[in-house]
Amino acid sequence: MMFSKTFDCNTMRWWLAISVMVILAAVFVSLGDWQLNRAQERRIIAQTITAGQDASIVTLSTQSTLDGLLPWQPAKVTGAWRPEMSFLLDNRNLDGRPGLWLATPLELAPGRLLLVLRGWLARPIGQFNALPAIAAPNGSITLEGEVATHIPRLYSLGEEAPIQFIEKTTLTIGEDKTTLPLKDLPRRQNVSIAELSDDLNQAFLPFVLLQTSAVPDDLFIRQWPKPSIDADKNVGYAIQWFGFAAIALVAIGVLLWRMPRRAKILAVSKDPTRGN
C-alpha cells in the first residue's frame, strides 16, 4: 500500500513537471511571436518614415488635410505668428538632457491656425540657463518643416488642466517683431489639437509642423525624435524566446522518456523478481 502511494505521488509530480514545461513552452513561443510582430511593426514604421521623407515638398494651406499628406513629409507654409498663444511642452529630452519644446500657432488665414513646434531648449536648472526672450517677426513669414500627424505624447498619469495662456500685454510688440518671454509661458506635458481648439476657440489644421528651417540668431535645436525602428533587436529577442521554448520541449521529451524507466525502477524495488 505504501508503495502504491509513493508511486502515485511520484507520478503526479512527474506529470506536474511536464505540465509546467508545456505551459512554459507555450508562453515562450507566444513571447517570440509577439517580438516578431513588434519587429514587423517597426519595419512598417521605418518604411513610413522613408516614404514621407522621400516625398516631394508640399505647400500647406487652409485646405490641407491628412488625407493628402504623409507623416514626415517635408512641407512649407506661409502665415503669421500668434505668439500670445504660445506654450511650452515639458519633459522633452534630447541626448539625455531635459528640455522643452516651444509651440506657437501660425495663422494661415483668419480663424485658421497651424500648430508649429519650433524647436528644443534646455530646461533651466535653478538660477542657471534661464529661458531667454525670443523675437518673432511680425507679418507674413514662410517656414519649412516636416508633417506630424499629432503632437508627440509622453506617458501621463491623468488629465492636465486647460492651458492658461499669457496676456497679450506681456509681449513686447514692435514695428517689425514681437518679443516673447519664454519664462512666462504656460507649460504642459501633453496636449492635443482638439484640446487647443477648445481652449482657444480656434480652428486648427488636424496636423502639426515640426519646424526644420533655421532662423538667424535662433537658439533652438531642431532634432525631432523618431520612433524606434530597430527591428533587429526584436528579432534577437524572438530568437531567445524560441530558444527557451526549445529547451522546455527538450525537457518535456526527457521527462516523458524517463517516466516509464522510473516506474520500472520503483516496481523492481517493490518486487525484485520482476527485474529478472
C-alpha atoms as a PDB file:
ATOM      1  CA  MET A   1       0.000   0.000   0.000  1.00  0.00           C
ATOM      2  CA  MET A   2       2.853   2.322   0.912  1.00  0.00           C
ATOM      3  CA  PHE A   3       4.493   1.587  -2.448  1.00  0.00           C
ATOM      4  CA  SER A   4       1.284   2.452  -4.299  1.00  0.00           C
ATOM      5  CA  LYS A   5       1.021   5.778  -2.518  1.00  0.00           C
ATOM      6  CA  THR A   6       4.683   6.529  -3.207  1.00  0.00           C
ATOM      7  CA  PHE A   7       4.270   5.546  -6.857  1.00  0.00           C
ATOM      8  CA  ASP A   8       1.174   7.712  -7.275  1.00  0.00           C
ATOM      9  CA  CYS A   9       2.885  10.655  -5.581  1.00  0.00           C
ATOM     10  CA  ASN A  10       5.940  10.393  -7.828  1.00  0.00           C
ATOM     11  CA  THR A  11       3.764  10.016 -10.913  1.00  0.00           C
ATOM     12  CA  MET A  12       1.787  13.116 -10.003  1.00  0.00           C
ATOM     13  CA  ARG A  13       4.993  15.116  -9.519  1.00  0.00           C
ATOM     14  CA  TRP A  14       6.223  13.842 -12.880  1.00  0.00           C
ATOM     15  CA  TRP A  15       3.070  14.938 -14.673  1.00  0.00           C
ATOM     16  CA  LEU A  16       3.108  18.263 -12.820  1.00  0.00           C
ATOM     17  CA  ALA A  17       6.655  18.926 -14.034  1.00  0.00           C
ATOM     18  CA  ILE A  18       5.633  18.048 -17.606  1.00  0.00           C
ATOM     19  CA  SER A  19       2.587  20.327 -17.374  1.00  0.00           C
ATOM     20  CA  VAL A  20       4.750  23.207 -16.162  1.00  0.00           C
ATOM     21  CA  MET A  21       7.173  22.665 -19.045  1.00  0.00           C
ATOM     22  CA  VAL A  22       4.288  22.608 -21.553  1.00  0.00           C
ATOM     23  CA  ILE A  23       2.926  25.893 -20.170  1.00  0.00           C
ATOM     24  CA  LEU A  24       6.374  27.479 -20.244  1.00  0.00           C
ATOM     25  CA  ALA A  25       6.957  26.338 -23.828  1.00  0.00           C
ATOM     26  CA  ALA A  26       3.616  27.843 -24.883  1.00  0.00           C
ATOM     27  CA  VAL A  27       4.426  31.129 -23.102  1.00  0.00           C
ATOM     28  CA  PHE A  28       7.904  31.317 -24.672  1.00  0.00           C
ATOM     29  CA  VAL A  29       6.511  30.676 -28.168  1.00  0.00           C
ATOM     30  CA  SER A  30       3.865  33.351 -27.596  1.00  0.00           C
ATOM     31  CA  LEU A  31       6.505  35.871 -26.496  1.00  0.00           C
ATOM     32  CA  GLY A  32       8.629  35.020 -29.521  1.00  0.00           C
ATOM     33  CA  ASP A  33       5.671  35.584 -31.845  1.00  0.00           C
ATOM     34  CA  TRP A  34       4.968  38.910 -30.114  1.00  0.00           C
ATOM     35  CA  GLN A  35       8.556  40.050 -30.675  1.00  0.00           C
ATOM     36  CA  LEU A  36       8.329  39.086 -34.357  1.00  0.00           C
ATOM     37  CA  ASN A  37       5.129  41.128 -34.640  1.00  0.00           C
ATOM     38  CA  ARG A  38       6.888  44.094 -33.000  1.00  0.00           C
ATOM     39  CA  ALA A  39       9.738  43.720 -35.479  1.00  0.00           C
ATOM     40  CA  GLN A  40       7.262  43.823 -38.368  1.00  0.00           C
ATOM     41  CA  GLU A  41       5.581  46.912 -36.885  1.00  0.00           C
ATOM     42  CA  ARG A  42       8.941  48.661 -36.698  1.00  0.00           C
ATOM     43  CA  ARG A  43       9.727  47.747 -40.300  1.00  0.00           C
ATOM     44  CA  ILE A  44       6.422  49.323 -41.320  1.00  0.00           C
ATOM     45  CA  ILE A  45       7.239  52.449 -39.293  1.00  0.00           C
ATOM     46  CA  ALA A  46      10.659  52.643 -40.981  1.00  0.00           C
ATOM     47  CA  GLN A  47       9.016  52.342 -44.396  1.00  0.00           C
ATOM     48  CA  THR A  48       6.523  55.076 -43.460  1.00  0.00           C
ATOM     49  CA  ILE A  49       9.301  57.431 -42.358  1.00  0.00           C
ATOM     50  CA  THR A  50      11.319  56.764 -45.514  1.00  0.00           C
ATOM     51  CA  ALA A  51       8.280  57.250 -47.761  1.00  0.00           C
ATOM     52  CA  GLY A  52       7.453  60.552 -46.073  1.00  0.00           C
ATOM     53  CA  GLN A  53      10.978  61.925 -46.166  1.00  0.00           C
ATOM     54  CA  ASP A  54      11.413  60.893 -49.810  1.00  0.00           C
ATOM     55  CA  ALA A  55       8.146  62.546 -50.859  1.00  0.00           C
ATOM     56  CA  SER A  56       8.232  65.889 -52.627  1.00  0.00           C
ATOM     57  CA  ILE A  57       7.812  69.023 -50.565  1.00  0.00           C
ATOM     58  CA  VAL A  58       4.214  70.115 -50.179  1.00  0.00           C
ATOM     59  CA  THR A  59       2.852  73.617 -49.664  1.00  0.00           C
ATOM     60  CA  LEU A  60       0.360  73.695 -46.811  1.00  0.00           C
ATOM     61  CA  SER A  61      -2.792  75.763 -46.902  1.00  0.00           C
ATOM     62  CA  THR A  62      -6.088  76.096 -45.065  1.00  0.00           C
ATOM     63  CA  GLN A  63      -7.449  73.324 -47.304  1.00  0.00           C
ATOM     64  CA  SER A  64      -4.743  70.790 -46.436  1.00  0.00           C
ATOM     65  CA  THR A  65      -5.905  67.573 -44.771  1.00  0.00           C
ATOM     66  CA  LEU A  66      -4.228  64.447 -43.502  1.00  0.00           C
ATOM     67  CA  ASP A  67      -5.628  62.520 -46.464  1.00  0.00           C
ATOM     68  CA  GLY A  68      -3.235  64.302 -48.785  1.00  0.00           C
ATOM     69  CA  LEU A  69      -0.163  64.188 -46.549  1.00  0.00           C
ATOM     70  CA  LEU A  70       2.391  61.631 -45.388  1.00  0.00           C
ATOM     71  CA  PRO A  71       3.960  61.584 -41.931  1.00  0.00           C
ATOM     72  CA  TRP A  72       7.458  63.103 -42.051  1.00  0.00           C
ATOM     73  CA  GLN A  73       6.782  64.642 -45.458  1.00  0.00           C
ATOM     74  CA  PRO A  74       8.691  67.902 -45.991  1.00  0.00           C
ATOM     75  CA  ALA A  75       6.406  70.901 -46.162  1.00  0.00           C
ATOM     76  CA  LYS A  76       6.443  74.665 -46.339  1.00  0.00           C
ATOM     77  CA  VAL A  77       3.827  77.115 -45.193  1.00  0.00           C
ATOM     78  CA  THR A  78       3.235  80.858 -45.126  1.00  0.00           C
ATOM     79  CA  GLY A  79       1.432  82.630 -42.329  1.00  0.00           C
ATOM     80  CA  ALA A  80       1.772  84.946 -39.350  1.00  0.00           C
ATOM     81  CA  TRP A  81       2.808  84.018 -35.829  1.00  0.00           C
ATOM     82  CA  ARG A  82       0.309  84.216 -32.966  1.00  0.00           C
ATOM     83  CA  PRO A  83       2.867  84.477 -30.135  1.00  0.00           C
ATOM     84  CA  GLU A  84       0.242  85.148 -27.448  1.00  0.00           C
ATOM     85  CA  MET A  85      -0.953  81.552 -27.958  1.00  0.00           C
ATOM     86  CA  SER A  86       2.484  80.060 -27.397  1.00  0.00           C
ATOM     87  CA  PHE A  87       3.194  77.403 -24.769  1.00  0.00           C
ATOM     88  CA  LEU A  88       5.981  75.034 -23.730  1.00  0.00           C
ATOM     89  CA  LEU A  89       5.925  71.240 -23.838  1.00  0.00           C
ATOM     90  CA  ASP A  90       7.843  69.960 -20.831  1.00  0.00           C
ATOM     91  CA  ASN A  91       9.996  66.858 -20.233  1.00  0.00           C
ATOM     92  CA  ARG A  92      11.263  66.649 -23.794  1.00  0.00           C
ATOM     93  CA  ASN A  93      14.730  65.129 -23.584  1.00  0.00           C
ATOM     94  CA  LEU A  94      17.442  65.492 -26.186  1.00  0.00           C
ATOM     95  CA  ASP A  95      20.508  63.235 -25.931  1.00  0.00           C
ATOM     96  CA  GLY A  96      19.694  62.631 -22.267  1.00  0.00           C
ATOM     97  CA  ARG A  97      19.302  66.336 -21.414  1.00  0.00           C
ATOM     98  CA  PRO A  98      15.945  67.546 -20.068  1.00  0.00           C
ATOM     99  CA  GLY A  99      14.380  70.310 -22.072  1.00  0.00           C
ATOM    100  CA  LEU A 100      11.329  71.997 -23.517  1.00  0.00           C
ATOM    101  CA  TRP A 101       9.703  72.412 -26.905  1.00  0.00           C
ATOM    102  CA  LEU A 102       8.222  75.747 -27.901  1.00  0.00           C
ATOM    103  CA  ALA A 103       4.864  75.520 -29.678  1.00  0.00           C
ATOM    104  CA  THR A 104       3.330  78.527 -31.427  1.00  0.00           C
ATOM    105  CA  PRO A 105       0.300  78.688 -33.739  1.00  0.00           C
ATOM    106  CA  LEU A 106       0.801  80.083 -37.214  1.00  0.00           C
ATOM    107  CA  GLU A 107      -2.235  81.856 -38.647  1.00  0.00           C
ATOM    108  CA  LEU A 108      -2.737  80.929 -42.301  1.00  0.00           C
ATOM    109  CA  ALA A 109      -5.993  82.827 -42.655  1.00  0.00           C
ATOM    110  CA  PRO A 110      -8.371  84.490 -40.195  1.00  0.00           C
ATOM    111  CA  GLY A 111      -9.562  81.769 -37.820  1.00  0.00           C
ATOM    112  CA  ARG A 112      -7.402  79.019 -39.396  1.00  0.00           C
ATOM    113  CA  LEU A 113      -4.280  78.041 -37.478  1.00  0.00           C
ATOM    114  CA  LEU A 114      -1.469  75.520 -37.815  1.00  0.00           C
ATOM    115  CA  LEU A 115       0.455  74.494 -34.700  1.00  0.00           C
ATOM    116  CA  VAL A 116       4.221  74.686 -35.217  1.00  0.00           C
ATOM    117  CA  LEU A 117       6.728  73.008 -32.915  1.00  0.00           C
ATOM    118  CA  ARG A 118       9.557  75.487 -33.210  1.00  0.00           C
ATOM    119  CA  GLY A 119      12.441  73.693 -31.512  1.00  0.00           C
ATOM    120  CA  TRP A 120      14.120  72.478 -28.312  1.00  0.00           C
ATOM    121  CA  LEU A 121      15.713  74.417 -25.476  1.00  0.00           C
ATOM    122  CA  ALA A 122      17.443  73.084 -22.378  1.00  0.00           C
ATOM    123  CA  ARG A 123      15.352  73.277 -19.220  1.00  0.00           C
ATOM    124  CA  PRO A 124      16.622  75.883 -16.722  1.00  0.00           C
ATOM    125  CA  ILE A 125      18.409  74.482 -13.665  1.00  0.00           C
ATOM    126  CA  GLY A 126      17.852  76.752 -10.657  1.00  0.00           C
ATOM    127  CA  GLN A 127      19.223  80.199 -11.465  1.00  0.00           C
ATOM    128  CA  PHE A 128      21.299  78.863 -14.331  1.00  0.00           C
ATOM    129  CA  ASN A 129      20.447  78.639 -18.004  1.00  0.00           C
ATOM    130  CA  ALA A 130      17.421  80.925 -17.696  1.00  0.00           C
ATOM    131  CA  LEU A 131      14.931  80.829 -20.535  1.00  0.00           C
ATOM    132  CA  PRO A 132      15.517  83.723 -22.926  1.00  0.00           C
ATOM    133  CA  ALA A 133      13.117  86.111 -24.559  1.00  0.00           C
ATOM    134  CA  ILE A 134      12.902  85.424 -28.281  1.00  0.00           C
ATOM    135  CA  ALA A 135      11.868  87.634 -31.163  1.00  0.00           C
ATOM    136  CA  ALA A 136       9.253  86.626 -33.711  1.00  0.00           C
ATOM    137  CA  PRO A 137       8.838  88.672 -36.883  1.00  0.00           C
ATOM    138  CA  ASN A 138       5.536  90.403 -37.380  1.00  0.00           C
ATOM    139  CA  GLY A 139       3.626  89.885 -40.581  1.00  0.00           C
ATOM    140  CA  SER A 140       3.900  87.099 -43.095  1.00  0.00           C
ATOM    141  CA  ILE A 141       6.696  84.532 -42.866  1.00  0.00           C
ATOM    142  CA  THR A 142       7.466  81.286 -44.687  1.00  0.00           C
ATOM    143  CA  LEU A 143       8.624  78.209 -42.790  1.00  0.00           C
ATOM    144  CA  GLU A 144       9.797  74.731 -43.726  1.00  0.00           C
ATOM    145  CA  GLY A 145       9.374  71.594 -41.669  1.00  0.00           C
ATOM    146  CA  GLU A 146       8.082  68.039 -41.513  1.00  0.00           C
ATOM    147  CA  VAL A 147       4.483  66.950 -41.147  1.00  0.00           C
ATOM    148  CA  ALA A 148       3.463  65.142 -37.946  1.00  0.00           C
ATOM    149  CA  THR A 149       0.018  63.619 -37.556  1.00  0.00           C
ATOM    150  CA  HIS A 150      -0.133  64.625 -33.878  1.00  0.00           C
ATOM    151  CA  ILE A 151       1.843  66.240 -31.088  1.00  0.00           C
ATOM    152  CA  PRO A 152       4.214  63.561 -29.732  1.00  0.00           C
ATOM    153  CA  ARG A 153       2.890  62.388 -26.365  1.00  0.00           C
ATOM    154  CA  LEU A 154       4.564  61.266 -23.162  1.00  0.00           C
ATOM    155  CA  TYR A 155       3.154  58.953 -20.535  1.00  0.00           C
ATOM    156  CA  SER A 156       0.818  60.813 -18.190  1.00  0.00           C
ATOM    157  CA  LEU A 157      -0.917  59.688 -15.000  1.00  0.00           C
ATOM    158  CA  GLY A 158      -4.023  61.802 -15.552  1.00  0.00           C
ATOM    159  CA  GLU A 159      -5.684  64.691 -17.306  1.00  0.00           C
ATOM    160  CA  GLU A 160      -3.983  68.093 -17.193  1.00  0.00           C
ATOM    161  CA  ALA A 161      -5.747  71.369 -16.555  1.00  0.00           C
ATOM    162  CA  PRO A 162      -6.572  73.656 -19.508  1.00  0.00           C
ATOM    163  CA  ILE A 163      -3.718  75.875 -20.646  1.00  0.00           C
ATOM    164  CA  GLN A 164      -3.737  79.375 -19.167  1.00  0.00           C
ATOM    165  CA  PHE A 165      -2.222  81.481 -21.919  1.00  0.00           C
ATOM    166  CA  ILE A 166      -0.321  84.681 -21.210  1.00  0.00           C
ATOM    167  CA  GLU A 167      -1.899  88.086 -21.651  1.00  0.00           C
ATOM    168  CA  LYS A 168      -1.035  89.844 -24.858  1.00  0.00           C
ATOM    169  CA  THR A 169       0.220  92.778 -22.794  1.00  0.00           C
ATOM    170  CA  THR A 170       3.069  90.502 -21.625  1.00  0.00           C
ATOM    171  CA  LEU A 171       4.538  90.700 -25.118  1.00  0.00           C
ATOM    172  CA  THR A 172       6.782  93.471 -26.353  1.00  0.00           C
ATOM    173  CA  ILE A 173       5.326  94.342 -29.719  1.00  0.00           C
ATOM    174  CA  GLY A 174       7.491  96.414 -32.036  1.00  0.00           C
ATOM    175  CA  GLU A 175       7.034  97.582 -35.586  1.00  0.00           C
ATOM    176  CA  ASP A 176       8.701  94.584 -37.200  1.00  0.00           C
ATOM    177  CA  LYS A 177       8.921  91.993 -34.416  1.00  0.00           C
ATOM    178  CA  THR A 178       7.338  90.781 -31.202  1.00  0.00           C
ATOM    179  CA  THR A 179       9.441  89.710 -28.226  1.00  0.00           C
ATOM    180  CA  LEU A 180       8.156  86.635 -26.410  1.00  0.00           C
ATOM    181  CA  PRO A 181       9.435  85.943 -22.836  1.00  0.00           C
ATOM    182  CA  LEU A 182       9.678  82.164 -22.673  1.00  0.00           C
ATOM    183  CA  LYS A 183       9.861  82.110 -18.853  1.00  0.00           C
ATOM    184  CA  ASP A 184       6.288  83.432 -18.655  1.00  0.00           C
ATOM    185  CA  LEU A 185       4.759  80.827 -20.961  1.00  0.00           C
ATOM    186  CA  PRO A 186       2.484  78.061 -19.655  1.00  0.00           C
ATOM    187  CA  ARG A 187       3.851  74.514 -19.599  1.00  0.00           C
ATOM    188  CA  ARG A 188       2.149  71.251 -20.388  1.00  0.00           C
ATOM    189  CA  GLN A 189       3.433  67.716 -20.712  1.00  0.00           C
ATOM    190  CA  ASN A 190       0.837  66.712 -23.292  1.00  0.00           C
ATOM    191  CA  VAL A 191      -1.752  68.484 -25.360  1.00  0.00           C
ATOM    192  CA  SER A 192      -3.812  67.577 -28.407  1.00  0.00           C
ATOM    193  CA  ILE A 193      -5.022  69.603 -31.365  1.00  0.00           C
ATOM    194  CA  ALA A 194      -8.604  69.081 -30.214  1.00  0.00           C
ATOM    195  CA  GLU A 195      -7.778  70.471 -26.748  1.00  0.00           C
ATOM    196  CA  LEU A 196      -6.136  73.545 -28.275  1.00  0.00           C
ATOM    197  CA  SER A 197      -9.134  74.167 -30.484  1.00  0.00           C
ATOM    198  CA  ASP A 198     -11.421  74.017 -27.431  1.00  0.00           C
ATOM    199  CA  ASP A 199      -9.172  76.111 -25.162  1.00  0.00           C
ATOM    200  CA  LEU A 200      -8.628  78.827 -27.753  1.00  0.00           C
ATOM    201  CA  ASN A 201     -11.936  78.542 -29.598  1.00  0.00           C
ATOM    202  CA  GLN A 202      -9.923  78.470 -32.827  1.00  0.00           C
ATOM    203  CA  ALA A 203      -9.904  76.089 -35.786  1.00  0.00           C
ATOM    204  CA  PHE A 204      -6.574  74.258 -36.089  1.00  0.00           C
ATOM    205  CA  LEU A 205      -5.490  72.154 -39.027  1.00  0.00           C
ATOM    206  CA  PRO A 206      -5.522  68.461 -37.994  1.00  0.00           C
ATOM    207  CA  PHE A 207      -1.738  68.014 -38.035  1.00  0.00           C
ATOM    208  CA  VAL A 208       1.453  69.624 -36.728  1.00  0.00           C
ATOM    209  CA  LEU A 209       4.517  71.091 -38.421  1.00  0.00           C
ATOM    210  CA  LEU A 210       7.919  70.220 -36.944  1.00  0.00           C
ATOM    211  CA  GLN A 211       9.965  73.239 -37.970  1.00  0.00           C
ATOM    212  CA  THR A 212      13.289  72.494 -39.648  1.00  0.00           C
ATOM    213  CA  SER A 213      14.139  75.840 -41.233  1.00  0.00           C
ATOM    214  CA  ALA A 214      16.731  77.856 -39.334  1.00  0.00           C
ATOM    215  CA  VAL A 215      16.172  81.397 -38.148  1.00  0.00           C
ATOM    216  CA  PRO A 216      19.000  83.953 -37.701  1.00  0.00           C
ATOM    217  CA  ASP A 217      20.187  84.206 -34.065  1.00  0.00           C
ATOM    218  CA  ASP A 218      17.903  81.300 -33.184  1.00  0.00           C
ATOM    219  CA  LEU A 219      18.757  79.370 -30.005  1.00  0.00           C
ATOM    220  CA  PHE A 220      16.581  76.354 -30.782  1.00  0.00           C
ATOM    221  CA  ILE A 221      17.817  72.869 -31.630  1.00  0.00           C
ATOM    222  CA  ARG A 222      15.640  71.080 -34.176  1.00  0.00           C
ATOM    223  CA  GLN A 223      16.375  67.364 -33.845  1.00  0.00           C
ATOM    224  CA  TRP A 224      12.917  65.863 -33.766  1.00  0.00           C
ATOM    225  CA  PRO A 225      12.623  62.394 -32.232  1.00  0.00           C
ATOM    226  CA  LYS A 226      11.582  59.486 -34.403  1.00  0.00           C
ATOM    227  CA  PRO A 227      10.046  56.187 -33.316  1.00  0.00           C
ATOM    228  CA  SER A 228      12.401  53.290 -32.724  1.00  0.00           C
ATOM    229  CA  ILE A 229      12.861  51.295 -35.932  1.00  0.00           C
ATOM    230  CA  ASP A 230      15.453  48.758 -34.718  1.00  0.00           C
ATOM    231  CA  ALA A 231      13.601  45.630 -35.830  1.00  0.00           C
ATOM    232  CA  ASP A 232      16.773  43.503 -35.493  1.00  0.00           C
ATOM    233  CA  LYS A 233      16.617  43.899 -31.708  1.00  0.00           C
ATOM    234  CA  ASN A 234      13.117  42.415 -31.649  1.00  0.00           C
ATOM    235  CA  VAL A 235      14.214  39.559 -33.902  1.00  0.00           C
ATOM    236  CA  GLY A 236      17.061  38.852 -31.485  1.00  0.00           C
ATOM    237  CA  TYR A 237      14.646  38.759 -28.556  1.00  0.00           C
ATOM    238  CA  ALA A 238      12.356  36.442 -30.539  1.00  0.00           C
ATOM    239  CA  ILE A 239      15.228  34.017 -31.163  1.00  0.00           C
ATOM    240  CA  GLN A 240      15.949  33.987 -27.433  1.00  0.00           C
ATOM    241  CA  TRP A 241      12.327  33.201 -26.550  1.00  0.00           C
ATOM    242  CA  PHE A 242      12.156  30.449 -29.171  1.00  0.00           C
ATOM    243  CA  GLY A 243      15.406  29.072 -27.736  1.00  0.00           C
ATOM    244  CA  PHE A 244      13.826  28.934 -24.281  1.00  0.00           C
ATOM    245  CA  ALA A 245      10.816  27.176 -25.813  1.00  0.00           C
ATOM    246  CA  ALA A 246      13.130  24.603 -27.435  1.00  0.00           C
ATOM    247  CA  ILE A 247      14.803  23.952 -24.072  1.00  0.00           C
ATOM    248  CA  ALA A 248      11.378  23.432 -22.478  1.00  0.00           C
ATOM    249  CA  LEU A 249      10.399  20.993 -25.241  1.00  0.00           C
ATOM    250  CA  VAL A 250      13.634  19.050 -24.763  1.00  0.00           C
ATOM    251  CA  ALA A 251      12.912  18.902 -21.025  1.00  0.00           C
ATOM    252  CA  ILE A 252       9.428  17.548 -21.785  1.00  0.00           C
ATOM    253  CA  GLY A 253      10.939  14.851 -24.008  1.00  0.00           C
ATOM    254  CA  VAL A 254      13.446  13.861 -21.315  1.00  0.00           C
ATOM    255  CA  LEU A 255      10.716  13.652 -18.675  1.00  0.00           C
ATOM    256  CA  LEU A 256       8.481  11.537 -20.909  1.00  0.00           C
ATOM    257  CA  TRP A 257      11.398   9.233 -21.773  1.00  0.00           C
ATOM    258  CA  ARG A 258      12.432   8.787 -18.156  1.00  0.00           C
ATOM    259  CA  MET A 259       8.922   8.325 -16.755  1.00  0.00           C
ATOM    260  CA  PRO A 260       8.460   4.621 -17.704  1.00  0.00           C
ATOM    261  CA  ARG A 261      12.027   3.838 -16.648  1.00  0.00           C
ATOM    262  CA  ARG A 262      11.363   5.470 -13.284  1.00  0.00           C
ATOM    263  CA  ALA A 263       8.147   3.492 -12.914  1.00  0.00           C
ATOM    264  CA  LYS A 264      10.011   0.257 -13.724  1.00  0.00           C
ATOM    265  CA  ILE A 265      12.703   1.023 -11.142  1.00  0.00           C
ATOM    266  CA  LEU A 266      10.064   1.613  -8.497  1.00  0.00           C
ATOM    267  CA  ALA A 267       8.314  -1.640  -9.426  1.00  0.00           C
ATOM    268  CA  VAL A 268      11.576  -3.600  -9.217  1.00  0.00           C
ATOM    269  CA  SER A 269      12.357  -2.075  -5.822  1.00  0.00           C
ATOM    270  CA  LYS A 270       8.999  -3.380  -4.604  1.00  0.00           C
ATOM    271  CA  ASP A 271       9.303  -6.855  -6.216  1.00  0.00           C
ATOM    272  CA  PRO A 272      12.937  -7.733  -7.156  1.00  0.00           C
ATOM    273  CA  THR A 273      11.769 -10.790  -9.067  1.00  0.00           C
ATOM    274  CA  ARG A 274      10.153  -8.520 -11.676  1.00  0.00           C
ATOM    275  CA  GLY A 275      13.517  -7.331 -12.803  1.00  0.00           C
ATOM    276  CA  ASN A 276      14.541 -10.840 -13.898  1.00  0.00           C
END
